[in-house]
Amino acid sequence: MKLDKIFEKNSAWVSEKLNVDPDYFTNMSKGQSPEILYVGCSDSRVSAEELMGLGPGDVFVHRNIANMVPNTDLSSMSVIDYAVSHLKVKHVVVCGHYYCGGVKAAMESADLGILNPWLRNIRDVYRTHRAELNGITDEEAKYKRLVELNVQEQCVNVIKTASVQKANNERGILVHGWVFDIHSGKLIDLKIDFGKILQDIMEIYRLA
């Protein structure tokens, strides 16, 4: 793709928006008030706003390899705190996707250099759920299940943060775990029972 084409497409997009609403960009420049924080994967096939049918201003987005929320990652922690404490989002969504390259890499025994510490977070998810995963004989099914369990564990990491706990006490913020199925284009709500998952450990992680 020639980069000049991007600027041409941008000009066409600006014209399209202004034809519908002459004040579109004036209003957008006044600020943002999204209701959703979306934590997703950096995969080029997974565009957050497009797959949800939303547009600019509707969702605050953070993306990284395999939609991770490690507590040692300053970027993830900063995004969550800003979205929850300052933008006052009502929902936090962690969205993984089937056939995720990061999850696939974590399932393989290979030295991937600088990626090793990042992928170890996913390998830790495998270790935590290895009894279930090792009981799955079909490799594709195991791969897809690890994608789902990784989403679950990242949602738990979101709930462990002080800003989300405070927001839950103050206004009942909700955390959701989703998966995007690239084969069908559909979003899947995993309907995770966080109360059940956290009932025996929340006293350890409660900060607010």
N, C-alpha and C. Protein backbone atom coordinates (compact mmCIF):
# COMPACT_ATOMS: atom_id res chain seq x y z
N MET A 1 0.84 -1.21 0.00
CA MET A 1 0.00 0.00 0.00
C MET A 1 0.88 1.26 0.00
N LYS A 2 0.61 2.18 -0.92
CA LYS A 2 1.33 3.44 -0.93
C LYS A 2 0.74 4.36 0.13
N LEU A 3 1.61 4.99 0.92
CA LEU A 3 1.13 5.85 2.01
C LEU A 3 0.34 7.04 1.50
N ASP A 4 0.63 7.48 0.28
CA ASP A 4 -0.14 8.60 -0.28
C ASP A 4 -1.63 8.28 -0.33
N LYS A 5 -1.95 7.00 -0.55
CA LYS A 5 -3.34 6.58 -0.62
C LYS A 5 -4.06 6.81 0.71
N ILE A 6 -3.31 6.68 1.81
CA ILE A 6 -3.92 6.89 3.12
C ILE A 6 -4.39 8.33 3.27
N PHE A 7 -3.58 9.28 2.82
CA PHE A 7 -3.98 10.68 2.93
C PHE A 7 -5.15 11.00 1.99
N GLU A 8 -5.20 10.34 0.86
CA GLU A 8 -6.34 10.50 -0.04
C GLU A 8 -7.61 9.98 0.61
N LYS A 9 -7.48 8.82 1.23
CA LYS A 9 -8.64 8.23 1.91
C LYS A 9 -9.08 9.10 3.10
N ASN A 10 -8.10 9.70 3.77
CA ASN A 10 -8.43 10.58 4.89
C ASN A 10 -9.22 11.79 4.41
N SER A 11 -8.81 12.37 3.30
CA SER A 11 -9.52 13.53 2.75
C SER A 11 -10.95 13.16 2.37
N ALA A 12 -11.11 11.97 1.79
CA ALA A 12 -12.45 11.52 1.42
C ALA A 12 -13.31 11.29 2.65
N TRP A 13 -12.69 10.76 3.70
CA TRP A 13 -13.41 10.51 4.96
C TRP A 13 -13.86 11.83 5.60
N VAL A 14 -12.96 12.82 5.60
CA VAL A 14 -13.31 14.14 6.15
C VAL A 14 -14.49 14.73 5.38
N SER A 15 -14.45 14.67 4.07
CA SER A 15 -15.54 15.21 3.25
C SER A 15 -16.85 14.49 3.53
N GLU A 16 -16.76 13.18 3.68
CA GLU A 16 -17.97 12.39 3.96
C GLU A 16 -18.61 12.80 5.27
N LYS A 17 -17.79 12.97 6.30
CA LYS A 17 -18.30 13.35 7.62
C LYS A 17 -18.91 14.76 7.59
N LEU A 18 -18.23 15.69 6.92
CA LEU A 18 -18.72 17.07 6.88
C LEU A 18 -19.98 17.21 6.04
N ASN A 19 -20.14 16.34 5.04
CA ASN A 19 -21.37 16.37 4.24
C ASN A 19 -22.59 15.97 5.06
N VAL A 20 -22.37 15.07 6.02
CA VAL A 20 -23.46 14.63 6.90
C VAL A 20 -23.69 15.62 8.03
N ASP A 21 -22.58 16.13 8.60
CA ASP A 21 -22.67 17.04 9.74
C ASP A 21 -21.53 18.05 9.65
N PRO A 22 -21.81 19.30 9.26
CA PRO A 22 -20.76 20.32 9.12
C PRO A 22 -20.01 20.59 10.42
N ASP A 23 -20.61 20.27 11.57
CA ASP A 23 -19.97 20.51 12.86
C ASP A 23 -19.34 19.25 13.46
N TYR A 24 -19.20 18.22 12.66
CA TYR A 24 -18.74 16.92 13.17
C TYR A 24 -17.41 17.05 13.92
N PHE A 25 -16.42 17.67 13.31
CA PHE A 25 -15.10 17.74 13.93
C PHE A 25 -15.04 18.82 15.01
N THR A 26 -15.85 19.85 14.87
CA THR A 26 -15.93 20.88 15.92
C THR A 26 -16.46 20.27 17.20
N ASN A 27 -17.51 19.47 17.07
CA ASN A 27 -18.09 18.81 18.24
C ASN A 27 -17.14 17.77 18.82
N MET A 28 -16.43 17.05 17.95
CA MET A 28 -15.51 16.02 18.43
C MET A 28 -14.37 16.63 19.23
N SER A 29 -13.95 17.83 18.84
CA SER A 29 -12.81 18.46 19.50
C SER A 29 -13.14 18.95 20.91
N LYS A 30 -14.42 18.95 21.27
CA LYS A 30 -14.83 19.44 22.60
C LYS A 30 -14.51 18.46 23.72
N GLY A 31 -14.25 17.20 23.37
CA GLY A 31 -13.92 16.22 24.40
C GLY A 31 -14.51 14.86 24.10
N GLN A 32 -14.26 13.92 25.00
CA GLN A 32 -14.77 12.56 24.81
C GLN A 32 -15.47 12.07 26.08
N SER A 33 -16.47 11.24 25.90
CA SER A 33 -17.16 10.64 27.04
C SER A 33 -17.61 9.23 26.68
N PRO A 34 -16.66 8.36 26.33
CA PRO A 34 -17.01 6.98 25.99
C PRO A 34 -17.53 6.21 27.20
N GLU A 35 -18.40 5.26 26.96
CA GLU A 35 -18.93 4.43 28.05
C GLU A 35 -18.17 3.11 28.18
N ILE A 36 -17.33 2.81 27.20
CA ILE A 36 -16.66 1.51 27.16
C ILE A 36 -15.15 1.68 27.07
N LEU A 37 -14.42 0.93 27.90
CA LEU A 37 -13.00 0.73 27.72
C LEU A 37 -12.83 -0.65 27.10
N TYR A 38 -12.16 -0.71 25.96
CA TYR A 38 -11.96 -1.96 25.24
C TYR A 38 -10.48 -2.31 25.27
N VAL A 39 -10.16 -3.47 25.82
CA VAL A 39 -8.79 -3.98 25.82
C VAL A 39 -8.76 -5.15 24.85
N GLY A 40 -8.05 -4.98 23.74
CA GLY A 40 -8.04 -6.00 22.70
C GLY A 40 -6.63 -6.32 22.22
N CYS A 41 -6.56 -7.15 21.20
CA CYS A 41 -5.30 -7.58 20.63
C CYS A 41 -4.86 -6.62 19.52
N SER A 42 -3.55 -6.51 19.34
CA SER A 42 -3.00 -5.64 18.30
C SER A 42 -3.11 -6.23 16.90
N ASP A 43 -3.58 -7.45 16.79
CA ASP A 43 -3.72 -8.13 15.50
C ASP A 43 -4.39 -7.22 14.47
N SER A 44 -3.78 -7.11 13.29
CA SER A 44 -4.28 -6.19 12.25
C SER A 44 -5.66 -6.57 11.72
N ARG A 45 -6.09 -7.80 11.99
CA ARG A 45 -7.40 -8.25 11.51
C ARG A 45 -8.52 -7.90 12.47
N VAL A 46 -8.18 -7.36 13.64
CA VAL A 46 -9.17 -7.15 14.70
C VAL A 46 -9.26 -5.67 15.03
N SER A 47 -10.15 -4.97 14.35
CA SER A 47 -10.33 -3.52 14.54
C SER A 47 -11.47 -3.28 15.53
N ALA A 48 -11.15 -2.68 16.66
CA ALA A 48 -12.10 -2.59 17.77
C ALA A 48 -13.42 -1.93 17.39
N GLU A 49 -13.36 -0.68 16.92
CA GLU A 49 -14.61 0.04 16.64
C GLU A 49 -15.40 -0.63 15.53
N GLU A 50 -14.72 -1.08 14.50
CA GLU A 50 -15.41 -1.65 13.35
C GLU A 50 -16.17 -2.91 13.71
N LEU A 51 -15.55 -3.82 14.47
CA LEU A 51 -16.22 -5.08 14.78
C LEU A 51 -17.39 -4.88 15.74
N MET A 52 -17.39 -3.76 16.49
CA MET A 52 -18.51 -3.47 17.38
C MET A 52 -19.55 -2.57 16.72
N GLY A 53 -19.26 -2.12 15.52
CA GLY A 53 -20.19 -1.23 14.84
C GLY A 53 -20.25 0.16 15.46
N LEU A 54 -19.13 0.60 16.07
CA LEU A 54 -19.09 1.90 16.73
C LEU A 54 -18.17 2.84 15.97
N GLY A 55 -18.17 4.10 16.37
CA GLY A 55 -17.38 5.10 15.68
C GLY A 55 -16.52 5.91 16.62
N PRO A 56 -15.86 6.95 16.12
CA PRO A 56 -15.03 7.81 16.95
C PRO A 56 -15.80 8.38 18.13
N GLY A 57 -15.19 8.34 19.32
CA GLY A 57 -15.82 8.88 20.51
C GLY A 57 -16.65 7.89 21.29
N ASP A 58 -16.89 6.70 20.73
CA ASP A 58 -17.77 5.73 21.40
C ASP A 58 -17.02 4.80 22.35
N VAL A 59 -15.73 4.58 22.12
CA VAL A 59 -15.02 3.59 22.92
C VAL A 59 -13.56 4.01 23.09
N PHE A 60 -13.05 3.82 24.30
CA PHE A 60 -11.64 4.09 24.61
C PHE A 60 -10.90 2.77 24.44
N VAL A 61 -9.85 2.77 23.62
CA VAL A 61 -9.25 1.51 23.17
C VAL A 61 -7.79 1.37 23.62
N HIS A 62 -7.49 0.18 24.11
CA HIS A 62 -6.10 -0.19 24.39
C HIS A 62 -5.85 -1.56 23.75
N ARG A 63 -4.78 -1.66 22.95
CA ARG A 63 -4.48 -2.92 22.28
C ARG A 63 -3.02 -3.29 22.48
N ASN A 64 -2.79 -4.58 22.68
CA ASN A 64 -1.43 -5.10 22.75
C ASN A 64 -1.45 -6.56 22.31
N ILE A 65 -0.30 -7.20 22.29
CA ILE A 65 -0.24 -8.60 21.86
C ILE A 65 -1.03 -9.48 22.82
N ALA A 66 -2.07 -10.13 22.29
CA ALA A 66 -2.89 -11.11 23.04
C ALA A 66 -3.71 -10.48 24.15
N ASN A 67 -4.08 -9.21 24.00
CA ASN A 67 -5.01 -8.53 24.93
C ASN A 67 -4.68 -8.79 26.40
N MET A 68 -3.45 -8.49 26.78
CA MET A 68 -2.97 -8.77 28.12
C MET A 68 -3.18 -7.58 29.07
N VAL A 69 -3.35 -7.90 30.36
CA VAL A 69 -3.45 -6.87 31.40
C VAL A 69 -2.53 -7.25 32.56
N PRO A 70 -1.22 -7.34 32.32
CA PRO A 70 -0.29 -7.66 33.41
C PRO A 70 -0.11 -6.46 34.33
N ASN A 71 -0.06 -6.70 35.63
CA ASN A 71 0.01 -5.58 36.56
C ASN A 71 1.34 -4.85 36.50
N THR A 72 2.34 -5.46 35.82
CA THR A 72 3.64 -4.81 35.68
C THR A 72 3.74 -3.94 34.43
N ASP A 73 2.69 -3.94 33.63
CA ASP A 73 2.70 -3.17 32.38
C ASP A 73 2.13 -1.78 32.64
N LEU A 74 2.99 -0.78 32.67
CA LEU A 74 2.57 0.58 32.99
C LEU A 74 1.55 1.11 31.99
N SER A 75 1.70 0.72 30.73
CA SER A 75 0.77 1.19 29.71
C SER A 75 -0.66 0.71 30.00
N SER A 76 -0.82 -0.58 30.23
CA SER A 76 -2.15 -1.13 30.52
C SER A 76 -2.74 -0.53 31.78
N MET A 77 -1.93 -0.45 32.82
CA MET A 77 -2.43 0.08 34.09
C MET A 77 -2.82 1.56 33.96
N SER A 78 -2.07 2.32 33.19
CA SER A 78 -2.37 3.74 33.01
C SER A 78 -3.66 3.93 32.23
N VAL A 79 -3.84 3.13 31.19
CA VAL A 79 -5.06 3.21 30.38
C VAL A 79 -6.28 2.89 31.23
N ILE A 80 -6.21 1.83 32.01
CA ILE A 80 -7.34 1.44 32.85
C ILE A 80 -7.66 2.54 33.86
N ASP A 81 -6.63 3.06 34.51
CA ASP A 81 -6.87 4.10 35.51
C ASP A 81 -7.48 5.35 34.90
N TYR A 82 -6.96 5.77 33.74
CA TYR A 82 -7.49 6.97 33.09
C TYR A 82 -8.94 6.77 32.65
N ALA A 83 -9.20 5.63 32.02
CA ALA A 83 -10.56 5.38 31.51
C ALA A 83 -11.57 5.27 32.64
N VAL A 84 -11.17 4.60 33.72
CA VAL A 84 -12.10 4.33 34.82
C VAL A 84 -12.23 5.53 35.76
N SER A 85 -11.10 6.12 36.14
CA SER A 85 -11.11 7.19 37.14
C SER A 85 -11.43 8.57 36.57
N HIS A 86 -11.06 8.80 35.30
CA HIS A 86 -11.22 10.14 34.72
C HIS A 86 -12.33 10.20 33.67
N LEU A 87 -12.36 9.22 32.77
CA LEU A 87 -13.43 9.21 31.77
C LEU A 87 -14.72 8.61 32.32
N LYS A 88 -14.63 7.90 33.43
CA LYS A 88 -15.79 7.31 34.10
C LYS A 88 -16.55 6.34 33.19
N VAL A 89 -15.82 5.47 32.51
CA VAL A 89 -16.49 4.47 31.67
C VAL A 89 -17.37 3.58 32.53
N LYS A 90 -18.41 3.03 31.91
CA LYS A 90 -19.36 2.17 32.63
C LYS A 90 -19.03 0.69 32.45
N HIS A 91 -18.29 0.38 31.39
CA HIS A 91 -17.97 -1.01 31.08
C HIS A 91 -16.50 -1.14 30.71
N VAL A 92 -15.88 -2.23 31.15
CA VAL A 92 -14.54 -2.60 30.70
C VAL A 92 -14.67 -3.94 29.99
N VAL A 93 -14.26 -3.98 28.74
CA VAL A 93 -14.33 -5.19 27.93
C VAL A 93 -12.91 -5.67 27.63
N VAL A 94 -12.64 -6.93 27.94
CA VAL A 94 -11.41 -7.57 27.46
C VAL A 94 -11.85 -8.50 26.34
N CYS A 95 -11.34 -8.27 25.13
CA CYS A 95 -11.78 -9.04 23.97
C CYS A 95 -10.58 -9.74 23.31
N GLY A 96 -10.59 -11.06 23.36
CA GLY A 96 -9.60 -11.84 22.65
C GLY A 96 -10.14 -12.27 21.30
N HIS A 97 -9.38 -13.06 20.58
CA HIS A 97 -9.90 -13.57 19.31
C HIS A 97 -9.31 -14.93 19.01
N TYR A 98 -10.11 -15.77 18.40
CA TYR A 98 -9.62 -17.09 18.02
C TYR A 98 -8.51 -16.95 16.97
N TYR A 99 -7.60 -17.89 16.98
CA TYR A 99 -6.45 -17.91 16.07
C TYR A 99 -5.53 -16.71 16.33
N CYS A 100 -5.36 -16.42 17.62
CA CYS A 100 -4.47 -15.34 18.06
C CYS A 100 -3.02 -15.82 17.99
N GLY A 101 -2.18 -15.07 17.28
CA GLY A 101 -0.80 -15.45 17.12
C GLY A 101 -0.02 -15.45 18.43
N GLY A 102 -0.35 -14.53 19.33
CA GLY A 102 0.33 -14.47 20.61
C GLY A 102 0.04 -15.69 21.46
N VAL A 103 -1.21 -16.11 21.49
CA VAL A 103 -1.60 -17.30 22.25
C VAL A 103 -0.96 -18.54 21.63
N LYS A 104 -0.95 -18.58 20.31
CA LYS A 104 -0.34 -19.72 19.62
C LYS A 104 1.15 -19.82 19.95
N ALA A 105 1.83 -18.69 19.95
CA ALA A 105 3.27 -18.68 20.25
C ALA A 105 3.53 -19.15 21.67
N ALA A 106 2.64 -18.79 22.60
CA ALA A 106 2.81 -19.18 24.00
C ALA A 106 2.62 -20.68 24.20
N MET A 107 1.94 -21.34 23.27
CA MET A 107 1.72 -22.78 23.36
C MET A 107 2.91 -23.58 22.86
N GLU A 108 3.86 -22.92 22.24
CA GLU A 108 4.99 -23.60 21.63
C GLU A 108 6.26 -23.40 22.45
N SER A 109 7.14 -24.39 22.45
CA SER A 109 8.41 -24.30 23.16
C SER A 109 9.45 -23.68 22.24
N ALA A 110 9.64 -22.38 22.39
CA ALA A 110 10.58 -21.68 21.52
C ALA A 110 11.07 -20.43 22.23
N ASP A 111 12.33 -20.09 21.99
CA ASP A 111 12.91 -18.87 22.53
C ASP A 111 12.61 -17.74 21.54
N LEU A 112 11.75 -16.82 21.96
CA LEU A 112 11.34 -15.73 21.09
C LEU A 112 11.91 -14.38 21.53
N GLY A 113 13.02 -14.42 22.23
CA GLY A 113 13.73 -13.20 22.60
C GLY A 113 12.92 -12.27 23.49
N ILE A 114 12.78 -11.02 23.07
CA ILE A 114 12.12 -10.01 23.88
C ILE A 114 10.66 -10.34 24.15
N LEU A 115 10.09 -11.20 23.32
CA LEU A 115 8.69 -11.61 23.54
C LEU A 115 8.53 -12.58 24.70
N ASN A 116 9.63 -13.20 25.14
CA ASN A 116 9.53 -14.23 26.18
C ASN A 116 8.81 -13.76 27.45
N PRO A 117 9.20 -12.62 28.05
CA PRO A 117 8.52 -12.21 29.29
C PRO A 117 7.05 -11.88 29.08
N TRP A 118 6.72 -11.35 27.89
CA TRP A 118 5.32 -11.03 27.61
C TRP A 118 4.49 -12.31 27.46
N LEU A 119 5.01 -13.26 26.70
CA LEU A 119 4.29 -14.51 26.46
C LEU A 119 4.24 -15.38 27.71
N ARG A 120 5.15 -15.16 28.63
CA ARG A 120 5.11 -15.95 29.87
C ARG A 120 3.81 -15.72 30.63
N ASN A 121 3.25 -14.53 30.49
CA ASN A 121 1.96 -14.27 31.13
C ASN A 121 0.89 -15.23 30.61
N ILE A 122 0.94 -15.54 29.32
CA ILE A 122 -0.03 -16.48 28.74
C ILE A 122 0.31 -17.90 29.16
N ARG A 123 1.60 -18.21 29.23
CA ARG A 123 2.01 -19.53 29.70
C ARG A 123 1.58 -19.75 31.15
N ASP A 124 1.56 -18.67 31.94
CA ASP A 124 1.07 -18.78 33.31
C ASP A 124 -0.42 -19.10 33.34
N VAL A 125 -1.16 -18.55 32.37
CA VAL A 125 -2.57 -18.89 32.26
C VAL A 125 -2.71 -20.39 31.96
N TYR A 126 -1.87 -20.89 31.05
CA TYR A 126 -1.90 -22.32 30.72
C TYR A 126 -1.60 -23.14 31.98
N ARG A 127 -0.59 -22.73 32.73
CA ARG A 127 -0.22 -23.47 33.94
C ARG A 127 -1.38 -23.50 34.93
N THR A 128 -2.04 -22.37 35.09
CA THR A 128 -3.16 -22.28 36.04
C THR A 128 -4.30 -23.22 35.65
N HIS A 129 -4.50 -23.39 34.35
CA HIS A 129 -5.63 -24.20 33.86
C HIS A 129 -5.16 -25.46 33.13
N ARG A 130 -3.97 -25.94 33.45
CA ARG A 130 -3.40 -27.03 32.67
C ARG A 130 -4.21 -28.32 32.79
N ALA A 131 -4.88 -28.56 33.92
CA ALA A 131 -5.67 -29.79 34.05
C ALA A 131 -6.77 -29.82 33.01
N GLU A 132 -7.48 -28.70 32.87
CA GLU A 132 -8.54 -28.62 31.86
C GLU A 132 -7.96 -28.69 30.45
N LEU A 133 -6.92 -27.92 30.19
CA LEU A 133 -6.36 -27.84 28.85
C LEU A 133 -5.72 -29.16 28.41
N ASN A 134 -5.03 -29.82 29.33
CA ASN A 134 -4.39 -31.09 28.98
C ASN A 134 -5.41 -32.20 28.75
N GLY A 135 -6.63 -31.96 29.20
CA GLY A 135 -7.69 -32.93 28.96
C GLY A 135 -8.34 -32.77 27.60
N ILE A 136 -7.94 -31.74 26.85
CA ILE A 136 -8.48 -31.51 25.51
C ILE A 136 -7.51 -32.10 24.50
N THR A 137 -7.94 -33.12 23.78
CA THR A 137 -7.03 -33.81 22.86
C THR A 137 -6.92 -33.14 21.50
N ASP A 138 -7.96 -32.44 21.07
CA ASP A 138 -7.93 -31.75 19.78
C ASP A 138 -7.15 -30.45 19.93
N GLU A 139 -6.09 -30.29 19.17
CA GLU A 139 -5.21 -29.14 19.33
C GLU A 139 -5.90 -27.82 19.02
N GLU A 140 -6.75 -27.79 17.99
CA GLU A 140 -7.45 -26.54 17.67
C GLU A 140 -8.41 -26.15 18.78
N ALA A 141 -9.10 -27.15 19.34
CA ALA A 141 -10.03 -26.88 20.44
C ALA A 141 -9.28 -26.38 21.67
N LYS A 142 -8.09 -26.95 21.93
CA LYS A 142 -7.27 -26.53 23.05
C LYS A 142 -6.81 -25.08 22.85
N TYR A 143 -6.42 -24.77 21.64
CA TYR A 143 -5.96 -23.42 21.27
C TYR A 143 -7.07 -22.41 21.51
N LYS A 144 -8.27 -22.72 21.06
CA LYS A 144 -9.40 -21.81 21.23
C LYS A 144 -9.77 -21.67 22.71
N ARG A 145 -9.68 -22.76 23.45
CA ARG A 145 -10.01 -22.69 24.88
C ARG A 145 -8.99 -21.85 25.63
N LEU A 146 -7.71 -21.92 25.25
CA LEU A 146 -6.71 -21.08 25.90
C LEU A 146 -6.97 -19.61 25.60
N VAL A 147 -7.44 -19.30 24.39
CA VAL A 147 -7.84 -17.93 24.07
C VAL A 147 -8.91 -17.45 25.05
N GLU A 148 -9.91 -18.29 25.31
CA GLU A 148 -11.00 -17.93 26.22
C GLU A 148 -10.51 -17.79 27.65
N LEU A 149 -9.67 -18.73 28.09
CA LEU A 149 -9.17 -18.67 29.46
C LEU A 149 -8.23 -17.48 29.67
N ASN A 150 -7.51 -17.11 28.62
CA ASN A 150 -6.67 -15.92 28.72
C ASN A 150 -7.52 -14.67 28.90
N VAL A 151 -8.62 -14.58 28.16
CA VAL A 151 -9.54 -13.46 28.35
C VAL A 151 -10.04 -13.44 29.79
N GLN A 152 -10.44 -14.60 30.29
CA GLN A 152 -10.94 -14.69 31.66
C GLN A 152 -9.91 -14.18 32.67
N GLU A 153 -8.68 -14.63 32.53
CA GLU A 153 -7.65 -14.22 33.49
C GLU A 153 -7.30 -12.74 33.38
N GLN A 154 -7.36 -12.19 32.18
CA GLN A 154 -7.10 -10.75 32.03
C GLN A 154 -8.23 -9.93 32.62
N CYS A 155 -9.46 -10.44 32.53
CA CYS A 155 -10.58 -9.76 33.19
C CYS A 155 -10.38 -9.76 34.71
N VAL A 156 -9.92 -10.88 35.24
CA VAL A 156 -9.62 -10.95 36.67
C VAL A 156 -8.54 -9.95 37.03
N ASN A 157 -7.54 -9.80 36.18
CA ASN A 157 -6.49 -8.80 36.43
C ASN A 157 -7.06 -7.39 36.44
N VAL A 158 -8.04 -7.13 35.58
CA VAL A 158 -8.71 -5.82 35.58
C VAL A 158 -9.41 -5.60 36.91
N ILE A 159 -10.12 -6.61 37.38
CA ILE A 159 -10.87 -6.50 38.63
C ILE A 159 -9.95 -6.32 39.84
N LYS A 160 -8.73 -6.80 39.74
CA LYS A 160 -7.77 -6.66 40.84
C LYS A 160 -7.28 -5.23 41.02
N THR A 161 -7.46 -4.36 40.02
CA THR A 161 -6.93 -3.00 40.11
C THR A 161 -7.76 -2.15 41.06
N ALA A 162 -7.10 -1.22 41.74
CA ALA A 162 -7.78 -0.37 42.72
C ALA A 162 -8.83 0.52 42.06
N SER A 163 -8.52 1.06 40.88
CA SER A 163 -9.46 1.98 40.23
C SER A 163 -10.76 1.29 39.87
N VAL A 164 -10.70 0.05 39.40
CA VAL A 164 -11.92 -0.69 39.05
C VAL A 164 -12.69 -1.06 40.32
N GLN A 165 -11.99 -1.45 41.36
CA GLN A 165 -12.68 -1.78 42.61
C GLN A 165 -13.40 -0.57 43.19
N LYS A 166 -12.75 0.59 43.15
CA LYS A 166 -13.40 1.82 43.63
C LYS A 166 -14.61 2.16 42.78
N ALA A 167 -14.47 2.04 41.46
CA ALA A 167 -15.58 2.35 40.57
C ALA A 167 -16.74 1.37 40.76
N ASN A 168 -16.42 0.13 41.08
CA ASN A 168 -17.48 -0.85 41.34
C ASN A 168 -18.25 -0.48 42.60
N ASN A 169 -17.53 -0.05 43.64
CA ASN A 169 -18.19 0.35 44.89
C ASN A 169 -19.04 1.61 44.70
N GLU A 170 -18.53 2.54 43.88
CA GLU A 170 -19.20 3.83 43.72
C GLU A 170 -20.33 3.82 42.71
N ARG A 171 -20.16 3.08 41.59
CA ARG A 171 -21.16 3.18 40.55
C ARG A 171 -21.44 1.86 39.81
N GLY A 172 -20.91 0.77 40.33
CA GLY A 172 -21.25 -0.53 39.76
C GLY A 172 -20.71 -0.78 38.37
N ILE A 173 -19.45 -0.38 38.12
CA ILE A 173 -18.83 -0.63 36.82
C ILE A 173 -18.83 -2.13 36.53
N LEU A 174 -18.97 -2.50 35.25
CA LEU A 174 -19.06 -3.91 34.86
C LEU A 174 -17.86 -4.30 34.01
N VAL A 175 -17.38 -5.52 34.22
CA VAL A 175 -16.26 -6.07 33.43
C VAL A 175 -16.80 -7.24 32.62
N HIS A 176 -16.42 -7.29 31.35
CA HIS A 176 -16.93 -8.30 30.42
C HIS A 176 -15.78 -8.99 29.70
N GLY A 177 -15.92 -10.28 29.46
CA GLY A 177 -14.97 -11.04 28.67
C GLY A 177 -15.60 -11.51 27.37
N TRP A 178 -15.02 -11.07 26.25
CA TRP A 178 -15.55 -11.42 24.93
C TRP A 178 -14.46 -12.09 24.09
N VAL A 179 -14.92 -12.79 23.07
CA VAL A 179 -14.01 -13.33 22.05
C VAL A 179 -14.58 -12.99 20.68
N PHE A 180 -13.71 -12.58 19.77
CA PHE A 180 -14.10 -12.32 18.38
C PHE A 180 -13.72 -13.55 17.56
N ASP A 181 -14.70 -14.11 16.87
CA ASP A 181 -14.47 -15.27 16.01
C ASP A 181 -14.17 -14.78 14.60
N ILE A 182 -12.92 -14.83 14.22
CA ILE A 182 -12.50 -14.33 12.91
C ILE A 182 -13.19 -15.08 11.78
N HIS A 183 -13.46 -16.37 11.96
CA HIS A 183 -14.08 -17.17 10.90
C HIS A 183 -15.50 -16.72 10.58
N SER A 184 -16.23 -16.29 11.61
CA SER A 184 -17.64 -15.91 11.40
C SER A 184 -17.87 -14.40 11.48
N GLY A 185 -16.91 -13.67 12.06
CA GLY A 185 -17.08 -12.23 12.26
C GLY A 185 -17.93 -11.89 13.48
N LYS A 186 -18.30 -12.89 14.27
CA LYS A 186 -19.21 -12.65 15.39
C LYS A 186 -18.46 -12.43 16.70
N LEU A 187 -19.03 -11.56 17.53
CA LEU A 187 -18.55 -11.38 18.89
C LEU A 187 -19.26 -12.38 19.80
N ILE A 188 -18.50 -12.97 20.71
CA ILE A 188 -19.06 -13.95 21.64
C ILE A 188 -18.85 -13.46 23.07
N ASP A 189 -19.94 -13.35 23.82
CA ASP A 189 -19.85 -13.00 25.24
C ASP A 189 -19.61 -14.29 26.01
N LEU A 190 -18.49 -14.38 26.70
CA LEU A 190 -18.15 -15.60 27.43
C LEU A 190 -18.99 -15.76 28.70
N LYS A 191 -19.70 -14.72 29.09
CA LYS A 191 -20.59 -14.78 30.26
C LYS A 191 -19.87 -15.37 31.48
N ILE A 192 -18.74 -14.79 31.79
CA ILE A 192 -17.91 -15.29 32.89
C ILE A 192 -18.51 -14.93 34.24
N ASP A 193 -18.58 -15.89 35.13
CA ASP A 193 -19.09 -15.68 36.49
C ASP A 193 -17.92 -15.24 37.37
N PHE A 194 -17.66 -13.94 37.40
CA PHE A 194 -16.52 -13.44 38.15
C PHE A 194 -16.70 -13.62 39.66
N GLY A 195 -17.95 -13.53 40.13
CA GLY A 195 -18.21 -13.73 41.55
C GLY A 195 -17.75 -15.10 42.01
N LYS A 196 -18.04 -16.12 41.22
CA LYS A 196 -17.63 -17.48 41.56
C LYS A 196 -16.12 -17.64 41.49
N ILE A 197 -15.52 -17.07 40.48
CA ILE A 197 -14.07 -17.18 40.30
C ILE A 197 -13.31 -16.50 41.43
N LEU A 198 -13.82 -15.36 41.88
CA LEU A 198 -13.10 -14.54 42.84
C LEU A 198 -13.49 -14.78 44.30
N GLN A 199 -14.49 -15.61 44.55
CA GLN A 199 -15.03 -15.71 45.90
C GLN A 199 -13.99 -16.18 46.94
N ASP A 200 -13.06 -17.00 46.51
CA ASP A 200 -12.07 -17.52 47.46
C ASP A 200 -10.77 -16.71 47.51
N ILE A 201 -10.62 -15.76 46.60
CA ILE A 201 -9.34 -15.02 46.55
C ILE A 201 -9.50 -13.51 46.67
N MET A 202 -10.73 -12.99 46.60
CA MET A 202 -10.89 -11.54 46.56
C MET A 202 -10.41 -10.87 47.84
N GLU A 203 -10.48 -11.59 48.96
CA GLU A 203 -10.01 -10.98 50.21
C GLU A 203 -8.52 -10.66 50.13
N ILE A 204 -7.80 -11.39 49.28
CA ILE A 204 -6.36 -11.13 49.10
C ILE A 204 -6.14 -9.91 48.24
N TYR A 205 -6.97 -9.74 47.21
CA TYR A 205 -6.75 -8.69 46.22
C TYR A 205 -7.58 -7.43 46.48
N ARG A 206 -8.44 -7.44 47.50
CA ARG A 206 -9.30 -6.27 47.74
C ARG A 206 -8.45 -5.08 48.15
N LEU A 207 -8.63 -3.98 47.39
CA LEU A 207 -7.89 -2.75 47.68
C LEU A 207 -8.81 -1.60 48.04
N ALA A 208 -10.09 -1.75 47.72
CA ALA A 208 -11.03 -0.64 47.96
C ALA A 208 -12.35 -1.18 48.49
